[in-house]
Amino acid sequence: MKTLAVLLLGCLVGLVHLTSGASVDRPVAEQHGQAQDDVFLEPERADSVVRQKRALSQYQLESLREVCEANLGCEHMMDTSGIIAAYTAYYGPIPYQY
């Protein structure tokens, strides 16, 4: 019985969506009164808005571990807080671009 009620509710939502009057051939930005050019940014500005952090490779992490193992305090912090936090605390910013 519950399955039938959920199925009918899904059909009703689909029917309302199809008959809502939204034009299919117009882009979404134009449906909401915005010009399509407002969606895009210049590459310089987009870079400052969206910054993606990439993971370090296994080779880069191993290299950081080797440097950090030479210092007993850094090695202890590496075991408790992680390699990136320990290296940054003892040696400054990570030399790799990530």
PDB file of N, CA and C in Angstrom:
ATOM      1  N   MET A   1       0.815  -1.188   0.000  1.00  0.00           N
ATOM      2  CA  MET A   1       0.000   0.000   0.000  1.00  0.00           C
ATOM      3  C   MET A   1       0.869   1.266   0.000  1.00  0.00           C
ATOM      4  N   LYS A   2       1.962   1.219   0.805  1.00  0.00           N
ATOM      5  CA  LYS A   2       2.855   2.368   0.856  1.00  0.00           C
ATOM      6  C   LYS A   2       3.520   2.596  -0.500  1.00  0.00           C
ATOM      7  N   THR A   3       3.871   1.507  -1.171  1.00  0.00           N
ATOM      8  CA  THR A   3       4.508   1.607  -2.477  1.00  0.00           C
ATOM      9  C   THR A   3       3.581   2.283  -3.478  1.00  0.00           C
ATOM     10  N   LEU A   4       2.330   1.946  -3.431  1.00  0.00           N
ATOM     11  CA  LEU A   4       1.354   2.553  -4.333  1.00  0.00           C
ATOM     12  C   LEU A   4       1.211   4.043  -4.060  1.00  0.00           C
ATOM     13  N   ALA A   5       1.192   4.423  -2.774  1.00  0.00           N
ATOM     14  CA  ALA A   5       1.071   5.842  -2.419  1.00  0.00           C
ATOM     15  C   ALA A   5       2.304   6.627  -2.896  1.00  0.00           C
ATOM     16  N   VAL A   6       3.485   6.052  -2.726  1.00  0.00           N
ATOM     17  CA  VAL A   6       4.712   6.723  -3.168  1.00  0.00           C
ATOM     18  C   VAL A   6       4.729   6.845  -4.687  1.00  0.00           C
ATOM     19  N   LEU A   7       4.299   5.807  -5.376  1.00  0.00           N
ATOM     20  CA  LEU A   7       4.250   5.832  -6.839  1.00  0.00           C
ATOM     21  C   LEU A   7       3.277   6.900  -7.340  1.00  0.00           C
ATOM     22  N   LEU A   8       2.111   6.989  -6.731  1.00  0.00           N
ATOM     23  CA  LEU A   8       1.141   8.011  -7.130  1.00  0.00           C
ATOM     24  C   LEU A   8       1.652   9.417  -6.839  1.00  0.00           C
ATOM     25  N   LEU A   9       2.315   9.586  -5.701  1.00  0.00           N
ATOM     26  CA  LEU A   9       2.881  10.888  -5.361  1.00  0.00           C
ATOM     27  C   LEU A   9       3.971  11.281  -6.363  1.00  0.00           C
ATOM     28  N   GLY A  10       4.795  10.328  -6.764  1.00  0.00           N
ATOM     29  CA  GLY A  10       5.823  10.600  -7.769  1.00  0.00           C
ATOM     30  C   GLY A  10       5.222  10.992  -9.108  1.00  0.00           C
ATOM     31  N   CYS A  11       4.172  10.303  -9.504  1.00  0.00           N
ATOM     32  CA  CYS A  11       3.485  10.649 -10.761  1.00  0.00           C
ATOM     33  C   CYS A  11       2.884  12.046 -10.688  1.00  0.00           C
ATOM     34  N   LEU A  12       2.312  12.382  -9.551  1.00  0.00           N
ATOM     35  CA  LEU A  12       1.713  13.699  -9.375  1.00  0.00           C
ATOM     36  C   LEU A  12       2.772  14.803  -9.451  1.00  0.00           C
ATOM     37  N   VAL A  13       3.906  14.577  -8.818  1.00  0.00           N
ATOM     38  CA  VAL A  13       4.991  15.569  -8.869  1.00  0.00           C
ATOM     39  C   VAL A  13       5.496  15.724 -10.296  1.00  0.00           C
ATOM     40  N   GLY A  14       5.640  14.625 -11.006  1.00  0.00           N
ATOM     41  CA  GLY A  14       6.079  14.693 -12.401  1.00  0.00           C
ATOM     42  C   GLY A  14       5.084  15.430 -13.277  1.00  0.00           C
ATOM     43  N   LEU A  15       3.819  15.200 -13.055  1.00  0.00           N
ATOM     44  CA  LEU A  15       2.778  15.867 -13.827  1.00  0.00           C
ATOM     45  C   LEU A  15       2.775  17.370 -13.554  1.00  0.00           C
ATOM     46  N   VAL A  16       2.933  17.748 -12.299  1.00  0.00           N
ATOM     47  CA  VAL A  16       2.984  19.173 -11.948  1.00  0.00           C
ATOM     48  C   VAL A  16       4.206  19.819 -12.577  1.00  0.00           C
ATOM     49  N   HIS A  17       5.317  19.117 -12.577  1.00  0.00           N
ATOM     50  CA  HIS A  17       6.546  19.661 -13.174  1.00  0.00           C
ATOM     51  C   HIS A  17       6.378  19.870 -14.680  1.00  0.00           C
ATOM     52  N   LEU A  18       5.749  18.919 -15.350  1.00  0.00           N
ATOM     53  CA  LEU A  18       5.569  19.034 -16.798  1.00  0.00           C
ATOM     54  C   LEU A  18       4.600  20.155 -17.170  1.00  0.00           C
ATOM     55  N   THR A  19       3.626  20.405 -16.343  1.00  0.00           N
ATOM     56  CA  THR A  19       2.623  21.421 -16.662  1.00  0.00           C
ATOM     57  C   THR A  19       2.879  22.752 -15.972  1.00  0.00           C
ATOM     58  N   SER A  20       4.076  22.943 -15.405  1.00  0.00           N
ATOM     59  CA  SER A  20       4.347  24.173 -14.646  1.00  0.00           C
ATOM     60  C   SER A  20       4.515  25.394 -15.540  1.00  0.00           C
ATOM     61  N   GLY A  21       4.658  25.218 -16.838  1.00  0.00           N
ATOM     62  CA  GLY A  21       4.765  26.356 -17.736  1.00  0.00           C
ATOM     63  C   GLY A  21       6.198  26.768 -18.024  1.00  0.00           C
ATOM     64  N   ALA A  22       7.173  26.046 -17.519  1.00  0.00           N
ATOM     65  CA  ALA A  22       8.572  26.360 -17.804  1.00  0.00           C
ATOM     66  C   ALA A  22       8.860  25.986 -19.247  1.00  0.00           C
ATOM     67  N   SER A  23       9.416  26.918 -19.966  1.00  0.00           N
ATOM     68  CA  SER A  23       9.721  26.683 -21.372  1.00  0.00           C
ATOM     69  C   SER A  23      10.927  25.778 -21.491  1.00  0.00           C
ATOM     70  N   VAL A  24      10.831  24.769 -22.322  1.00  0.00           N
ATOM     71  CA  VAL A  24      11.928  23.818 -22.485  1.00  0.00           C
ATOM     72  C   VAL A  24      13.003  24.362 -23.403  1.00  0.00           C
ATOM     73  N   ASP A  25      12.652  25.170 -24.395  1.00  0.00           N
ATOM     74  CA  ASP A  25      13.623  25.615 -25.377  1.00  0.00           C
ATOM     75  C   ASP A  25      14.397  26.856 -24.946  1.00  0.00           C
ATOM     76  N   ARG A  26      14.074  27.489 -23.813  1.00  0.00           N
ATOM     77  CA  ARG A  26      14.833  28.638 -23.346  1.00  0.00           C
ATOM     78  C   ARG A  26      15.807  28.190 -22.262  1.00  0.00           C
ATOM     79  N   PRO A  27      17.025  28.751 -22.240  1.00  0.00           N
ATOM     80  CA  PRO A  27      17.964  28.399 -21.175  1.00  0.00           C
ATOM     81  C   PRO A  27      17.441  28.846 -19.820  1.00  0.00           C
ATOM     82  N   VAL A  28      17.943  28.209 -18.762  1.00  0.00           N
ATOM     83  CA  VAL A  28      17.482  28.495 -17.411  1.00  0.00           C
ATOM     84  C   VAL A  28      17.760  29.939 -17.027  1.00  0.00           C
ATOM     85  N   ALA A  29      18.913  30.485 -17.430  1.00  0.00           N
ATOM     86  CA  ALA A  29      19.260  31.864 -17.078  1.00  0.00           C
ATOM     87  C   ALA A  29      18.255  32.843 -17.669  1.00  0.00           C
ATOM     88  N   GLU A  30      17.798  32.581 -18.879  1.00  0.00           N
ATOM     89  CA  GLU A  30      16.829  33.473 -19.503  1.00  0.00           C
ATOM     90  C   GLU A  30      15.451  33.312 -18.883  1.00  0.00           C
ATOM     91  N   GLN A  31      15.116  32.127 -18.369  1.00  0.00           N
ATOM     92  CA  GLN A  31      13.826  31.927 -17.723  1.00  0.00           C
ATOM     93  C   GLN A  31      13.719  32.752 -16.456  1.00  0.00           C
ATOM     94  N   HIS A  32      14.831  32.974 -15.792  1.00  0.00           N
ATOM     95  CA  HIS A  32      14.822  33.736 -14.550  1.00  0.00           C
ATOM     96  C   HIS A  32      15.155  35.205 -14.765  1.00  0.00           C
ATOM     97  N   GLY A  33      15.194  35.662 -15.985  1.00  0.00           N
ATOM     98  CA  GLY A  33      15.397  37.067 -16.272  1.00  0.00           C
ATOM     99  C   GLY A  33      16.850  37.493 -16.315  1.00  0.00           C
ATOM    100  N   GLN A  34      17.783  36.580 -16.315  1.00  0.00           N
ATOM    101  CA  GLN A  34      19.199  36.917 -16.387  1.00  0.00           C
ATOM    102  C   GLN A  34      19.698  36.669 -17.807  1.00  0.00           C
ATOM    103  N   ALA A  35      20.651  37.483 -18.195  1.00  0.00           N
ATOM    104  CA  ALA A  35      21.293  37.236 -19.479  1.00  0.00           C
ATOM    105  C   ALA A  35      22.271  36.087 -19.312  1.00  0.00           C
ATOM    106  N   GLN A  36      22.496  35.349 -20.362  1.00  0.00           N
ATOM    107  CA  GLN A  36      23.380  34.198 -20.289  1.00  0.00           C
ATOM    108  C   GLN A  36      24.829  34.608 -20.078  1.00  0.00           C
ATOM    109  N   ASP A  37      25.217  35.822 -20.445  1.00  0.00           N
ATOM    110  CA  ASP A  37      26.593  36.275 -20.274  1.00  0.00           C
ATOM    111  C   ASP A  37      26.952  36.471 -18.807  1.00  0.00           C
ATOM    112  N   ASP A  38      25.968  36.635 -17.923  1.00  0.00           N
ATOM    113  CA  ASP A  38      26.238  36.835 -16.508  1.00  0.00           C
ATOM    114  C   ASP A  38      26.745  35.571 -15.820  1.00  0.00           C
ATOM    115  N   VAL A  39      26.616  34.450 -16.473  1.00  0.00           N
ATOM    116  CA  VAL A  39      27.001  33.188 -15.865  1.00  0.00           C
ATOM    117  C   VAL A  39      28.514  32.988 -15.920  1.00  0.00           C
ATOM    118  N   PHE A  40      29.183  33.535 -16.903  1.00  0.00           N
ATOM    119  CA  PHE A  40      30.596  33.292 -17.104  1.00  0.00           C
ATOM    120  C   PHE A  40      31.447  34.417 -16.528  1.00  0.00           C
ATOM    121  N   LEU A  41      32.657  34.072 -16.070  1.00  0.00           N
ATOM    122  CA  LEU A  41      33.611  35.030 -15.517  1.00  0.00           C
ATOM    123  C   LEU A  41      34.891  35.000 -16.337  1.00  0.00           C
ATOM    124  N   GLU A  42      35.692  36.059 -16.196  1.00  0.00           N
ATOM    125  CA  GLU A  42      37.011  36.030 -16.815  1.00  0.00           C
ATOM    126  C   GLU A  42      37.861  34.998 -16.068  1.00  0.00           C
ATOM    127  N   PRO A  43      38.818  34.368 -16.731  1.00  0.00           N
ATOM    128  CA  PRO A  43      39.633  33.332 -16.082  1.00  0.00           C
ATOM    129  C   PRO A  43      40.361  33.825 -14.830  1.00  0.00           C
ATOM    130  N   GLU A  44      40.842  35.071 -14.821  1.00  0.00           N
ATOM    131  CA  GLU A  44      41.562  35.586 -13.661  1.00  0.00           C
ATOM    132  C   GLU A  44      40.637  35.685 -12.451  1.00  0.00           C
ATOM    133  N   ARG A  45      39.430  36.151 -12.681  1.00  0.00           N
ATOM    134  CA  ARG A  45      38.470  36.303 -11.578  1.00  0.00           C
ATOM    135  C   ARG A  45      37.938  34.943 -11.134  1.00  0.00           C
ATOM    136  N   ALA A  46      37.719  34.058 -12.067  1.00  0.00           N
ATOM    137  CA  ALA A  46      37.219  32.729 -11.721  1.00  0.00           C
ATOM    138  C   ALA A  46      38.235  31.976 -10.874  1.00  0.00           C
ATOM    139  N   ASP A  47      39.521  32.188 -11.141  1.00  0.00           N
ATOM    140  CA  ASP A  47      40.558  31.511 -10.371  1.00  0.00           C
ATOM    141  C   ASP A  47      40.536  31.957  -8.916  1.00  0.00           C
ATOM    142  N   SER A  48      40.226  33.225  -8.671  1.00  0.00           N
ATOM    143  CA  SER A  48      40.178  33.703  -7.294  1.00  0.00           C
ATOM    144  C   SER A  48      38.904  33.261  -6.588  1.00  0.00           C
ATOM    145  N   VAL A  49      37.853  32.970  -7.340  1.00  0.00           N
ATOM    146  CA  VAL A  49      36.593  32.555  -6.735  1.00  0.00           C
ATOM    147  C   VAL A  49      36.630  31.075  -6.369  1.00  0.00           C
ATOM    148  N   VAL A  50      37.130  30.261  -7.271  1.00  0.00           N
ATOM    149  CA  VAL A  50      37.140  28.819  -7.060  1.00  0.00           C
ATOM    150  C   VAL A  50      38.577  28.345  -6.977  1.00  0.00           C
ATOM    151  N   ARG A  51      38.976  27.920  -5.811  1.00  0.00           N
ATOM    152  CA  ARG A  51      40.309  27.351  -5.614  1.00  0.00           C
ATOM    153  C   ARG A  51      40.133  25.879  -5.287  1.00  0.00           C
ATOM    154  N   GLN A  52      40.722  25.033  -6.086  1.00  0.00           N
ATOM    155  CA  GLN A  52      40.635  23.607  -5.841  1.00  0.00           C
ATOM    156  C   GLN A  52      41.969  23.130  -5.283  1.00  0.00           C
ATOM    157  N   LYS A  53      41.888  22.398  -4.191  1.00  0.00           N
ATOM    158  CA  LYS A  53      43.098  21.812  -3.634  1.00  0.00           C
ATOM    159  C   LYS A  53      43.238  20.417  -4.213  1.00  0.00           C
ATOM    160  N   ARG A  54      44.410  20.149  -4.731  1.00  0.00           N
ATOM    161  CA  ARG A  54      44.693  18.830  -5.263  1.00  0.00           C
ATOM    162  C   ARG A  54      45.510  18.052  -4.245  1.00  0.00           C
ATOM    163  N   ALA A  55      45.316  16.786  -4.189  1.00  0.00           N
ATOM    164  CA  ALA A  55      46.041  15.947  -3.252  1.00  0.00           C
ATOM    165  C   ALA A  55      47.490  15.798  -3.689  1.00  0.00           C
ATOM    166  N   LEU A  56      48.363  15.649  -2.709  1.00  0.00           N
ATOM    167  CA  LEU A  56      49.773  15.403  -3.006  1.00  0.00           C
ATOM    168  C   LEU A  56      49.936  13.955  -3.433  1.00  0.00           C
ATOM    169  N   SER A  57      50.903  13.711  -4.274  1.00  0.00           N
ATOM    170  CA  SER A  57      51.165  12.346  -4.714  1.00  0.00           C
ATOM    171  C   SER A  57      51.859  11.572  -3.590  1.00  0.00           C
ATOM    172  N   GLN A  58      51.897  10.265  -3.712  1.00  0.00           N
ATOM    173  CA  GLN A  58      52.568   9.433  -2.710  1.00  0.00           C
ATOM    174  C   GLN A  58      54.054   9.774  -2.632  1.00  0.00           C
ATOM    175  N   TYR A  59      54.657  10.067  -3.779  1.00  0.00           N
ATOM    176  CA  TYR A  59      56.076  10.437  -3.806  1.00  0.00           C
ATOM    177  C   TYR A  59      56.315  11.728  -3.029  1.00  0.00           C
ATOM    178  N   GLN A  60      55.445  12.712  -3.210  1.00  0.00           N
ATOM    179  CA  GLN A  60      55.588  13.989  -2.508  1.00  0.00           C
ATOM    180  C   GLN A  60      55.391  13.820  -1.003  1.00  0.00           C
ATOM    181  N   LEU A  61      54.402  13.019  -0.599  1.00  0.00           N
ATOM    182  CA  LEU A  61      54.178  12.778   0.822  1.00  0.00           C
ATOM    183  C   LEU A  61      55.362  12.057   1.450  1.00  0.00           C
ATOM    184  N   GLU A  62      55.910  11.075   0.753  1.00  0.00           N
ATOM    185  CA  GLU A  62      57.075  10.346   1.267  1.00  0.00           C
ATOM    186  C   GLU A  62      58.278  11.269   1.409  1.00  0.00           C
ATOM    187  N   SER A  63      58.428  12.184   0.494  1.00  0.00           N
ATOM    188  CA  SER A  63      59.521  13.153   0.568  1.00  0.00           C
ATOM    189  C   SER A  63      59.360  14.056   1.790  1.00  0.00           C
ATOM    190  N   LEU A  64      58.148  14.494   2.061  1.00  0.00           N
ATOM    191  CA  LEU A  64      57.885  15.305   3.251  1.00  0.00           C
ATOM    192  C   LEU A  64      58.140  14.502   4.525  1.00  0.00           C
ATOM    193  N   ARG A  65      57.746  13.226   4.524  1.00  0.00           N
ATOM    194  CA  ARG A  65      57.982  12.373   5.692  1.00  0.00           C
ATOM    195  C   ARG A  65      59.468  12.231   5.987  1.00  0.00           C
ATOM    196  N   GLU A  66      60.266  12.040   4.950  1.00  0.00           N
ATOM    197  CA  GLU A  66      61.707  11.878   5.146  1.00  0.00           C
ATOM    198  C   GLU A  66      62.327  13.119   5.761  1.00  0.00           C
ATOM    199  N   VAL A  67      61.888  14.293   5.340  1.00  0.00           N
ATOM    200  CA  VAL A  67      62.409  15.535   5.909  1.00  0.00           C
ATOM    201  C   VAL A  67      61.976  15.657   7.362  1.00  0.00           C
ATOM    202  N   CYS A  68      60.716  15.322   7.628  1.00  0.00           N
ATOM    203  CA  CYS A  68      60.159  15.491   8.964  1.00  0.00           C
ATOM    204  C   CYS A  68      60.740  14.473   9.955  1.00  0.00           C
ATOM    205  N   GLU A  69      61.129  13.289   9.493  1.00  0.00           N
ATOM    206  CA  GLU A  69      61.676  12.268  10.377  1.00  0.00           C
ATOM    207  C   GLU A  69      63.030  12.657  10.955  1.00  0.00           C
ATOM    208  N   ALA A  70      63.724  13.599  10.344  1.00  0.00           N
ATOM    209  CA  ALA A  70      65.025  14.040  10.841  1.00  0.00           C
ATOM    210  C   ALA A  70      64.889  14.881  12.106  1.00  0.00           C
ATOM    211  N   ASN A  71      63.707  15.413  12.383  1.00  0.00           N
ATOM    212  CA  ASN A  71      63.461  16.249  13.553  1.00  0.00           C
ATOM    213  C   ASN A  71      62.506  15.487  14.474  1.00  0.00           C
ATOM    214  N   LEU A  72      62.928  15.232  15.722  1.00  0.00           N
ATOM    215  CA  LEU A  72      62.123  14.423  16.638  1.00  0.00           C
ATOM    216  C   LEU A  72      60.767  15.071  16.938  1.00  0.00           C
ATOM    217  N   GLY A  73      60.724  16.381  17.122  1.00  0.00           N
ATOM    218  CA  GLY A  73      59.458  17.078  17.381  1.00  0.00           C
ATOM    219  C   GLY A  73      58.520  17.000  16.189  1.00  0.00           C
ATOM    220  N   CYS A  74      59.063  17.175  15.010  1.00  0.00           N
ATOM    221  CA  CYS A  74      58.256  17.095  13.790  1.00  0.00           C
ATOM    222  C   CYS A  74      57.721  15.676  13.597  1.00  0.00           C
ATOM    223  N   GLU A  75      58.571  14.695  13.918  1.00  0.00           N
ATOM    224  CA  GLU A  75      58.138  13.302  13.765  1.00  0.00           C
ATOM    225  C   GLU A  75      56.998  12.969  14.725  1.00  0.00           C
ATOM    226  N   HIS A  76      57.087  13.466  15.952  1.00  0.00           N
ATOM    227  CA  HIS A  76      56.004  13.233  16.913  1.00  0.00           C
ATOM    228  C   HIS A  76      54.719  13.925  16.447  1.00  0.00           C
ATOM    229  N   MET A  77      54.838  15.157  15.996  1.00  0.00           N
ATOM    230  CA  MET A  77      53.652  15.878  15.514  1.00  0.00           C
ATOM    231  C   MET A  77      53.076  15.201  14.277  1.00  0.00           C
ATOM    232  N   MET A  78      53.947  14.622  13.445  1.00  0.00           N
ATOM    233  CA  MET A  78      53.488  13.921  12.250  1.00  0.00           C
ATOM    234  C   MET A  78      52.611  12.730  12.641  1.00  0.00           C
ATOM    235  N   ASP A  79      52.976  12.041  13.733  1.00  0.00           N
ATOM    236  CA  ASP A  79      52.195  10.889  14.179  1.00  0.00           C
ATOM    237  C   ASP A  79      50.852  11.299  14.780  1.00  0.00           C
ATOM    238  N   THR A  80      50.773  12.495  15.353  1.00  0.00           N
ATOM    239  CA  THR A  80      49.537  12.902  16.010  1.00  0.00           C
ATOM    240  C   THR A  80      48.655  13.796  15.144  1.00  0.00           C
ATOM    241  N   SER A  81      49.261  14.687  14.347  1.00  0.00           N
ATOM    242  CA  SER A  81      48.464  15.672  13.597  1.00  0.00           C
ATOM    243  C   SER A  81      48.494  15.479  12.090  1.00  0.00           C
ATOM    244  N   GLY A  82      49.372  14.633  11.596  1.00  0.00           N
ATOM    245  CA  GLY A  82      49.463  14.427  10.159  1.00  0.00           C
ATOM    246  C   GLY A  82      50.695  15.082   9.577  1.00  0.00           C
ATOM    247  N   ILE A  83      51.112  14.598   8.443  1.00  0.00           N
ATOM    248  CA  ILE A  83      52.364  15.038   7.830  1.00  0.00           C
ATOM    249  C   ILE A  83      52.293  16.484   7.359  1.00  0.00           C
ATOM    250  N   ILE A  84      51.184  16.895   6.798  1.00  0.00           N
ATOM    251  CA  ILE A  84      51.094  18.254   6.260  1.00  0.00           C
ATOM    252  C   ILE A  84      51.138  19.285   7.379  1.00  0.00           C
ATOM    253  N   ALA A  85      50.411  19.036   8.475  1.00  0.00           N
ATOM    254  CA  ALA A  85      50.423  19.973   9.597  1.00  0.00           C
ATOM    255  C   ALA A  85      51.802  20.037  10.241  1.00  0.00           C
ATOM    256  N   ALA A  86      52.458  18.884  10.393  1.00  0.00           N
ATOM    257  CA  ALA A  86      53.776  18.852  11.023  1.00  0.00           C
ATOM    258  C   ALA A  86      54.816  19.552  10.160  1.00  0.00           C
ATOM    259  N   TYR A  87      54.830  19.254   8.873  1.00  0.00           N
ATOM    260  CA  TYR A  87      55.822  19.881   7.994  1.00  0.00           C
ATOM    261  C   TYR A  87      55.623  21.391   7.953  1.00  0.00           C
ATOM    262  N   THR A  88      54.384  21.818   7.865  1.00  0.00           N
ATOM    263  CA  THR A  88      54.093  23.251   7.814  1.00  0.00           C
ATOM    264  C   THR A  88      54.505  23.949   9.108  1.00  0.00           C
ATOM    265  N   ALA A  89      54.288  23.304  10.250  1.00  0.00           N
ATOM    266  CA  ALA A  89      54.631  23.916  11.532  1.00  0.00           C
ATOM    267  C   ALA A  89      56.143  24.057  11.698  1.00  0.00           C
ATOM    268  N   TYR A  90      56.906  23.074  11.245  1.00  0.00           N
ATOM    269  CA  TYR A  90      58.346  23.088  11.472  1.00  0.00           C
ATOM    270  C   TYR A  90      59.149  23.703  10.332  1.00  0.00           C
ATOM    271  N   TYR A  91      58.682  23.569   9.099  1.00  0.00           N
ATOM    272  CA  TYR A  91      59.490  23.995   7.959  1.00  0.00           C
ATOM    273  C   TYR A  91      58.821  25.045   7.078  1.00  0.00           C
ATOM    274  N   GLY A  92      57.614  25.444   7.383  1.00  0.00           N
ATOM    275  CA  GLY A  92      56.944  26.456   6.575  1.00  0.00           C
ATOM    276  C   GLY A  92      56.068  25.838   5.502  1.00  0.00           C
ATOM    277  N   PRO A  93      55.707  26.628   4.498  1.00  0.00           N
ATOM    278  CA  PRO A  93      54.798  26.133   3.453  1.00  0.00           C
ATOM    279  C   PRO A  93      55.390  24.953   2.680  1.00  0.00           C
ATOM    280  N   ILE A  94      54.522  24.099   2.235  1.00  0.00           N
ATOM    281  CA  ILE A  94      54.942  22.933   1.458  1.00  0.00           C
ATOM    282  C   ILE A  94      55.455  23.402   0.102  1.00  0.00           C
ATOM    283  N   PRO A  95      56.619  22.902  -0.325  1.00  0.00           N
ATOM    284  CA  PRO A  95      57.214  23.406  -1.568  1.00  0.00           C
ATOM    285  C   PRO A  95      56.513  22.923  -2.828  1.00  0.00           C
ATOM    286  N   TYR A  96      55.595  21.988  -2.707  1.00  0.00           N
ATOM    287  CA  TYR A  96      54.881  21.479  -3.884  1.00  0.00           C
ATOM    288  C   TYR A  96      53.620  22.285  -4.107  1.00  0.00           C
ATOM    289  N   GLN A  97      53.207  22.370  -5.332  1.00  0.00           N
ATOM    290  CA  GLN A  97      51.968  23.057  -5.692  1.00  0.00           C
ATOM    291  C   GLN A  97      50.832  22.059  -5.538  1.00  0.00           C
ATOM    292  N   TYR A  98      49.972  22.256  -4.543  1.00  0.00           N
ATOM    293  CA  TYR A  98      48.832  21.350  -4.360  1.00  0.00           C
ATOM    294  C   TYR A  98      47.559  22.108  -4.190  1.00  0.00           C
TER     295      TYR A  98
END
